[in-house]
């Protein structure tokens, strides 16, 4: 997710927020959790996710049902030098 997020960033996630087009989302992808951006929402409301890194622009995850979405990250709290809201 560089440049938005880096390995080692710790995030607070709002489990009640439903990510929309353009938002970051935390979702289950098999046995792992991923943080990706919502790049499309289909007619059934399923989300298509992708990373922000330009080298991985063609990689997509989904479409995902909302039941696989954990929530929307909103704050980076570690490392302290990068503390702040994420978008």
N, C-alpha and C. Protein backbone atom coordinates (compact mmCIF):
# COMPACT_ATOMS: atom_id res chain seq x y z
N UNK A 1 0.81 -1.20 0.00
CA UNK A 1 0.00 0.00 0.00
C UNK A 1 0.85 1.26 0.00
N UNK A 2 2.15 1.11 -0.22
CA UNK A 2 2.95 2.34 -0.33
C UNK A 2 2.45 3.13 -1.53
N UNK A 3 2.44 4.40 -1.48
CA UNK A 3 3.04 5.26 -0.47
C UNK A 3 2.12 5.59 0.71
N UNK A 4 0.83 5.18 0.64
CA UNK A 4 -0.11 5.53 1.70
C UNK A 4 0.26 4.88 3.02
N UNK A 5 0.54 3.58 2.99
CA UNK A 5 0.92 2.82 4.18
C UNK A 5 2.25 2.14 3.93
N UNK A 6 2.95 1.87 5.01
CA UNK A 6 4.23 1.16 4.92
C UNK A 6 4.18 -0.07 5.83
N UNK A 7 5.04 -1.05 5.52
CA UNK A 7 5.17 -2.20 6.42
C UNK A 7 5.49 -1.69 7.81
N UNK A 8 4.81 -2.21 8.81
CA UNK A 8 5.04 -1.81 10.19
C UNK A 8 4.10 -0.73 10.69
N UNK A 9 3.29 -0.13 9.80
CA UNK A 9 2.29 0.83 10.26
C UNK A 9 1.21 0.09 11.05
N UNK A 10 0.83 0.65 12.18
CA UNK A 10 -0.25 0.10 12.99
C UNK A 10 -1.45 1.01 12.86
N UNK A 11 -2.61 0.41 12.67
CA UNK A 11 -3.80 1.18 12.35
C UNK A 11 -4.94 0.91 13.32
N UNK A 12 -5.75 1.93 13.55
CA UNK A 12 -7.04 1.74 14.21
C UNK A 12 -8.07 1.61 13.11
N UNK A 13 -8.98 0.64 13.27
CA UNK A 13 -9.97 0.34 12.25
C UNK A 13 -11.36 0.51 12.86
N UNK A 14 -12.21 1.22 12.15
CA UNK A 14 -13.60 1.38 12.58
C UNK A 14 -14.41 0.22 11.99
N UNK A 15 -14.83 -0.73 12.84
CA UNK A 15 -15.56 -1.89 12.31
C UNK A 15 -16.98 -1.57 11.87
N UNK A 16 -17.50 -0.42 12.25
CA UNK A 16 -18.86 -0.04 11.89
C UNK A 16 -18.91 0.77 10.58
N UNK A 17 -17.75 1.24 10.11
CA UNK A 17 -17.72 2.03 8.89
C UNK A 17 -17.71 1.12 7.68
N UNK A 18 -18.58 1.38 6.75
CA UNK A 18 -18.63 0.61 5.50
C UNK A 18 -17.83 1.36 4.45
N UNK A 19 -16.69 0.81 4.05
CA UNK A 19 -15.87 1.51 3.06
C UNK A 19 -16.62 1.71 1.74
N UNK A 20 -16.40 2.88 1.16
CA UNK A 20 -17.01 3.23 -0.11
C UNK A 20 -15.92 3.45 -1.15
N UNK A 21 -16.31 3.72 -2.36
CA UNK A 21 -15.37 3.94 -3.45
C UNK A 21 -14.33 4.98 -3.05
N UNK A 22 -13.05 4.61 -3.17
CA UNK A 22 -11.95 5.50 -2.83
C UNK A 22 -11.44 5.36 -1.42
N UNK A 23 -12.19 4.70 -0.54
CA UNK A 23 -11.77 4.51 0.86
C UNK A 23 -10.80 3.35 0.98
N UNK A 24 -10.02 3.36 2.06
CA UNK A 24 -9.25 2.18 2.43
C UNK A 24 -10.19 1.20 3.12
N UNK A 25 -9.87 -0.09 2.98
CA UNK A 25 -10.68 -1.13 3.61
C UNK A 25 -9.76 -2.22 4.13
N UNK A 26 -10.12 -2.78 5.28
CA UNK A 26 -9.45 -3.97 5.81
C UNK A 26 -10.41 -5.12 5.53
N UNK A 27 -9.88 -6.17 4.87
CA UNK A 27 -10.75 -7.28 4.48
C UNK A 27 -10.01 -8.60 4.59
N UNK A 28 -10.79 -9.66 4.72
CA UNK A 28 -10.25 -11.02 4.70
C UNK A 28 -9.98 -11.41 3.25
N UNK A 29 -8.78 -11.90 3.00
CA UNK A 29 -8.41 -12.44 1.70
C UNK A 29 -7.81 -13.82 1.96
N UNK A 30 -8.67 -14.81 2.00
CA UNK A 30 -8.22 -16.15 2.38
C UNK A 30 -7.91 -16.17 3.86
N UNK A 31 -6.69 -16.57 4.21
CA UNK A 31 -6.30 -16.68 5.62
C UNK A 31 -5.61 -15.43 6.15
N UNK A 32 -5.59 -14.36 5.38
CA UNK A 32 -4.89 -13.15 5.82
C UNK A 32 -5.82 -11.93 5.77
N UNK A 33 -5.43 -10.91 6.52
CA UNK A 33 -6.11 -9.62 6.45
C UNK A 33 -5.29 -8.72 5.55
N UNK A 34 -5.96 -7.95 4.69
CA UNK A 34 -5.27 -7.02 3.81
C UNK A 34 -5.88 -5.63 3.98
N UNK A 35 -5.06 -4.63 3.70
CA UNK A 35 -5.52 -3.25 3.65
C UNK A 35 -5.33 -2.79 2.22
N UNK A 36 -6.43 -2.47 1.57
CA UNK A 36 -6.42 -2.05 0.17
C UNK A 36 -7.44 -0.94 -0.03
N UNK A 37 -7.39 -0.32 -1.20
CA UNK A 37 -8.33 0.75 -1.53
C UNK A 37 -9.49 0.19 -2.36
N UNK A 38 -10.69 0.70 -2.09
CA UNK A 38 -11.86 0.31 -2.86
C UNK A 38 -11.79 1.03 -4.21
N UNK A 39 -11.66 0.25 -5.29
CA UNK A 39 -11.54 0.84 -6.62
C UNK A 39 -12.81 0.68 -7.45
N UNK A 40 -13.73 -0.16 -6.98
CA UNK A 40 -14.99 -0.32 -7.69
C UNK A 40 -16.00 -0.99 -6.76
N UNK A 41 -17.25 -0.67 -6.98
CA UNK A 41 -18.36 -1.32 -6.27
C UNK A 41 -19.34 -1.78 -7.35
N UNK A 42 -19.63 -3.08 -7.39
CA UNK A 42 -20.52 -3.58 -8.44
C UNK A 42 -21.98 -3.35 -8.08
N UNK A 43 -22.87 -3.74 -8.98
CA UNK A 43 -24.31 -3.51 -8.78
C UNK A 43 -24.86 -4.24 -7.56
N UNK A 44 -24.19 -5.32 -7.14
CA UNK A 44 -24.63 -6.08 -5.97
C UNK A 44 -24.02 -5.54 -4.68
N UNK A 45 -23.21 -4.47 -4.78
CA UNK A 45 -22.60 -3.87 -3.59
C UNK A 45 -21.30 -4.50 -3.18
N UNK A 46 -20.78 -5.44 -3.97
CA UNK A 46 -19.51 -6.07 -3.66
C UNK A 46 -18.35 -5.14 -4.01
N UNK A 47 -17.27 -5.26 -3.24
CA UNK A 47 -16.13 -4.36 -3.40
C UNK A 47 -15.00 -5.00 -4.18
N UNK A 48 -14.37 -4.21 -5.04
CA UNK A 48 -13.15 -4.60 -5.72
C UNK A 48 -12.04 -3.76 -5.12
N UNK A 49 -10.99 -4.41 -4.63
CA UNK A 49 -9.90 -3.73 -3.92
C UNK A 49 -8.61 -3.80 -4.71
N UNK A 50 -7.76 -2.79 -4.52
CA UNK A 50 -6.44 -2.76 -5.14
C UNK A 50 -5.51 -1.94 -4.27
N UNK A 51 -4.22 -2.15 -4.44
CA UNK A 51 -3.22 -1.39 -3.70
C UNK A 51 -2.94 -0.05 -4.36
N UNK A 52 -2.26 0.83 -3.63
CA UNK A 52 -1.91 2.15 -4.14
C UNK A 52 -0.57 2.15 -4.88
N UNK A 53 0.25 1.13 -4.65
CA UNK A 53 1.59 1.11 -5.24
C UNK A 53 1.48 0.99 -6.76
N UNK A 54 2.12 1.89 -7.50
CA UNK A 54 1.99 1.86 -8.96
C UNK A 54 2.51 0.57 -9.61
N UNK A 55 3.48 -0.10 -8.99
CA UNK A 55 4.00 -1.35 -9.56
C UNK A 55 2.99 -2.50 -9.47
N UNK A 56 1.97 -2.35 -8.63
CA UNK A 56 0.98 -3.40 -8.44
C UNK A 56 -0.40 -2.95 -8.89
N UNK A 57 -0.45 -1.98 -9.77
CA UNK A 57 -1.71 -1.36 -10.17
C UNK A 57 -2.69 -2.36 -10.79
N UNK A 58 -2.19 -3.40 -11.43
CA UNK A 58 -3.07 -4.36 -12.08
C UNK A 58 -3.61 -5.45 -11.18
N UNK A 59 -3.09 -5.55 -9.96
CA UNK A 59 -3.53 -6.60 -9.04
C UNK A 59 -4.81 -6.18 -8.34
N UNK A 60 -5.82 -7.01 -8.41
CA UNK A 60 -7.11 -6.71 -7.80
C UNK A 60 -7.52 -7.86 -6.90
N UNK A 61 -8.29 -7.53 -5.87
CA UNK A 61 -8.87 -8.52 -4.96
C UNK A 61 -10.38 -8.32 -5.00
N UNK A 62 -11.09 -9.39 -5.28
CA UNK A 62 -12.53 -9.28 -5.28
C UNK A 62 -13.13 -9.70 -6.60
N UNK A 63 -14.41 -9.50 -6.70
CA UNK A 63 -15.27 -8.73 -5.81
C UNK A 63 -15.52 -9.45 -4.49
N UNK A 64 -15.57 -8.67 -3.41
CA UNK A 64 -15.74 -9.19 -2.06
C UNK A 64 -17.10 -8.80 -1.50
N UNK A 65 -17.74 -9.76 -0.87
CA UNK A 65 -18.98 -9.46 -0.14
C UNK A 65 -18.63 -8.61 1.08
N UNK A 66 -19.58 -7.82 1.53
CA UNK A 66 -19.34 -6.98 2.72
C UNK A 66 -19.05 -7.80 3.97
N UNK A 67 -19.48 -9.06 3.98
CA UNK A 67 -19.20 -9.91 5.15
C UNK A 67 -17.71 -10.18 5.32
N UNK A 68 -16.92 -10.00 4.26
CA UNK A 68 -15.47 -10.21 4.34
C UNK A 68 -14.72 -8.94 4.73
N UNK A 69 -15.42 -7.82 4.81
CA UNK A 69 -14.81 -6.54 5.14
C UNK A 69 -14.85 -6.35 6.65
N UNK A 70 -13.67 -6.12 7.24
CA UNK A 70 -13.55 -5.90 8.68
C UNK A 70 -13.94 -4.48 9.04
N UNK A 71 -13.55 -3.51 8.23
CA UNK A 71 -13.87 -2.12 8.50
C UNK A 71 -12.99 -1.19 7.70
N UNK A 72 -13.03 0.09 8.12
CA UNK A 72 -12.26 1.12 7.43
C UNK A 72 -11.20 1.67 8.39
N UNK A 73 -9.91 1.58 8.01
CA UNK A 73 -8.87 2.16 8.87
C UNK A 73 -8.97 3.68 8.83
N UNK A 74 -8.72 4.30 9.98
CA UNK A 74 -8.85 5.76 10.01
C UNK A 74 -7.67 6.45 10.69
N UNK A 75 -6.86 5.73 11.45
CA UNK A 75 -5.76 6.37 12.17
C UNK A 75 -4.54 5.46 12.19
N UNK A 76 -3.38 6.03 11.86
CA UNK A 76 -2.09 5.34 12.02
C UNK A 76 -1.54 5.79 13.36
N UNK A 77 -1.31 4.84 14.27
CA UNK A 77 -0.80 5.22 15.59
C UNK A 77 0.63 4.75 15.84
N UNK A 78 1.20 4.02 14.91
CA UNK A 78 2.59 3.62 15.03
C UNK A 78 3.15 3.44 13.65
N UNK A 79 4.35 3.91 13.41
CA UNK A 79 5.28 4.58 14.32
C UNK A 79 4.81 6.02 14.61
N UNK A 80 5.22 6.50 15.75
CA UNK A 80 4.79 7.83 16.18
C UNK A 80 5.18 8.92 15.18
N UNK A 81 6.26 8.73 14.47
CA UNK A 81 6.69 9.74 13.49
C UNK A 81 5.72 9.84 12.33
N UNK A 82 4.84 8.86 12.15
CA UNK A 82 3.85 8.89 11.07
C UNK A 82 2.42 8.93 11.63
N UNK A 83 2.28 9.30 12.90
CA UNK A 83 0.96 9.35 13.56
C UNK A 83 0.02 10.27 12.79
N UNK A 84 -1.20 9.82 12.61
CA UNK A 84 -2.22 10.69 12.00
C UNK A 84 -3.27 9.91 11.24
N UNK A 85 -4.23 10.66 10.73
CA UNK A 85 -5.33 10.07 9.96
C UNK A 85 -4.80 9.47 8.67
N UNK A 86 -5.46 8.42 8.21
CA UNK A 86 -5.14 7.82 6.92
C UNK A 86 -6.37 7.95 6.03
N UNK A 87 -6.10 8.11 4.76
CA UNK A 87 -7.22 8.26 3.80
C UNK A 87 -6.93 7.51 2.53
